[in-house]
Amino acid sequence: MTEKELRKAKKEELIEMLYYLRKEIDELKEENDKLRAKIISLSESNTKSQEKQTETEAQDVPEIQEVHDA
């Protein structure tokens, strides 16, 4: 909507537009919050997986060295 159209719009039309824009903002904010929570959860899960992998690799290294030394 152009500035000229906005100036000609009636008060009721403007209020209705504001209502729907506010509703859309609220929905987008809710979606954004959910996505942020999912990112945090995935990040934490990824960190735990990396820690487990590091532990497993660290446990495997001495075994390999023992076999090599023997």
C-alpha atoms as a PDB file:
ATOM      1  CA  MET A   1       0.000   0.000   0.000  1.00  0.00           C
ATOM      2  CA  THR A   2       1.399   3.375  -0.992  1.00  0.00           C
ATOM      3  CA  GLU A   3       1.658   6.367   1.310  1.00  0.00           C
ATOM      4  CA  LYS A   4      -1.093   8.065  -0.672  1.00  0.00           C
ATOM      5  CA  GLU A   5      -3.401   5.082  -0.199  1.00  0.00           C
ATOM      6  CA  LEU A   6      -2.604   5.006   3.510  1.00  0.00           C
ATOM      7  CA  ARG A   7      -3.524   8.681   3.857  1.00  0.00           C
ATOM      8  CA  LYS A   8      -6.878   8.068   2.143  1.00  0.00           C
ATOM      9  CA  ALA A   9      -7.689   4.943   4.186  1.00  0.00           C
ATOM     10  CA  LYS A  10     -10.415   5.184   6.782  1.00  0.00           C
ATOM     11  CA  LYS A  11      -9.702   4.855  10.469  1.00  0.00           C
ATOM     12  CA  GLU A  12     -11.438   1.468  10.628  1.00  0.00           C
ATOM     13  CA  GLU A  13      -9.315   0.146   7.750  1.00  0.00           C
ATOM     14  CA  LEU A  14      -6.130   1.325   9.437  1.00  0.00           C
ATOM     15  CA  ILE A  15      -7.128  -0.264  12.735  1.00  0.00           C
ATOM     16  CA  GLU A  16      -7.893  -3.521  10.950  1.00  0.00           C
ATOM     17  CA  MET A  17      -4.508  -3.448   9.199  1.00  0.00           C
ATOM     18  CA  LEU A  18      -2.783  -2.802  12.512  1.00  0.00           C
ATOM     19  CA  TYR A  19      -4.665  -5.691  14.093  1.00  0.00           C
ATOM     20  CA  TYR A  20      -3.599  -8.163  11.399  1.00  0.00           C
ATOM     21  CA  LEU A  21      -0.029  -6.884  11.359  1.00  0.00           C
ATOM     22  CA  ARG A  22       0.167  -7.271  15.139  1.00  0.00           C
ATOM     23  CA  LYS A  23      -1.269 -10.784  14.864  1.00  0.00           C
ATOM     24  CA  GLU A  24       1.329 -11.678  12.239  1.00  0.00           C
ATOM     25  CA  ILE A  25       4.129 -10.257  14.388  1.00  0.00           C
ATOM     26  CA  ASP A  26       2.980 -12.330  17.357  1.00  0.00           C
ATOM     27  CA  GLU A  27       2.850 -15.498  15.244  1.00  0.00           C
ATOM     28  CA  LEU A  28       6.307 -14.849  13.806  1.00  0.00           C
ATOM     29  CA  LYS A  29       7.711 -14.160  17.268  1.00  0.00           C
ATOM     30  CA  GLU A  30       6.278 -17.450  18.530  1.00  0.00           C
ATOM     31  CA  GLU A  31       7.756 -19.317  15.565  1.00  0.00           C
ATOM     32  CA  ASN A  32      11.081 -17.573  16.125  1.00  0.00           C
ATOM     33  CA  ASP A  33      11.100 -18.586  19.810  1.00  0.00           C
ATOM     34  CA  LYS A  34      10.384 -22.218  18.897  1.00  0.00           C
ATOM     35  CA  LEU A  35      13.149 -22.242  16.299  1.00  0.00           C
ATOM     36  CA  ARG A  36      15.622 -20.709  18.766  1.00  0.00           C
ATOM     37  CA  ALA A  37      14.744 -23.387  21.328  1.00  0.00           C
ATOM     38  CA  LYS A  38      15.245 -26.080  18.681  1.00  0.00           C
ATOM     39  CA  ILE A  39      18.633 -24.630  17.725  1.00  0.00           C
ATOM     40  CA  ILE A  40      19.720 -24.629  21.367  1.00  0.00           C
ATOM     41  CA  SER A  41      18.549 -28.208  21.812  1.00  0.00           C
ATOM     42  CA  LEU A  42      20.329 -29.376  18.663  1.00  0.00           C
ATOM     43  CA  SER A  43      23.469 -27.511  19.658  1.00  0.00           C
ATOM     44  CA  GLU A  44      23.484 -29.141  23.101  1.00  0.00           C
ATOM     45  CA  SER A  45      22.870 -32.548  21.542  1.00  0.00           C
ATOM     46  CA  ASN A  46      25.685 -31.985  19.066  1.00  0.00           C
ATOM     47  CA  THR A  47      28.044 -30.959  21.870  1.00  0.00           C
ATOM     48  CA  LYS A  48      27.216 -34.116  23.838  1.00  0.00           C
ATOM     49  CA  SER A  49      27.770 -36.267  20.743  1.00  0.00           C
ATOM     50  CA  GLN A  50      31.132 -34.643  20.117  1.00  0.00           C
ATOM     51  CA  GLU A  51      32.148 -35.179  23.748  1.00  0.00           C
ATOM     52  CA  LYS A  52      31.209 -38.874  23.536  1.00  0.00           C
ATOM     53  CA  GLN A  53      33.111 -39.250  20.287  1.00  0.00           C
ATOM     54  CA  THR A  54      36.176 -37.582  21.821  1.00  0.00           C
ATOM     55  CA  GLU A  55      35.961 -39.894  24.835  1.00  0.00           C
ATOM     56  CA  THR A  56      35.682 -42.940  22.588  1.00  0.00           C
ATOM     57  CA  GLU A  57      38.625 -41.823  20.481  1.00  0.00           C
ATOM     58  CA  ALA A  58      40.686 -41.125  23.611  1.00  0.00           C
ATOM     59  CA  GLN A  59      39.929 -44.615  24.924  1.00  0.00           C
ATOM     60  CA  ASP A  60      40.871 -46.201  21.601  1.00  0.00           C
ATOM     61  CA  VAL A  61      44.229 -44.416  21.352  1.00  0.00           C
ATOM     62  CA  PRO A  62      45.949 -46.194  24.292  1.00  0.00           C
ATOM     63  CA  GLU A  63      44.835 -49.575  22.940  1.00  0.00           C
ATOM     64  CA  ILE A  64      46.387 -48.807  19.580  1.00  0.00           C
ATOM     65  CA  GLN A  65      49.624 -47.642  21.214  1.00  0.00           C
ATOM     66  CA  GLU A  66      49.788 -50.785  23.377  1.00  0.00           C
ATOM     67  CA  VAL A  67      49.422 -53.014  20.332  1.00  0.00           C
ATOM     68  CA  HIS A  68      52.065 -50.998  18.491  1.00  0.00           C
ATOM     69  CA  ASP A  69      54.469 -51.132  21.453  1.00  0.00           C
ATOM     70  CA  ALA A  70      54.121 -54.911  21.850  1.00  0.00           C
END
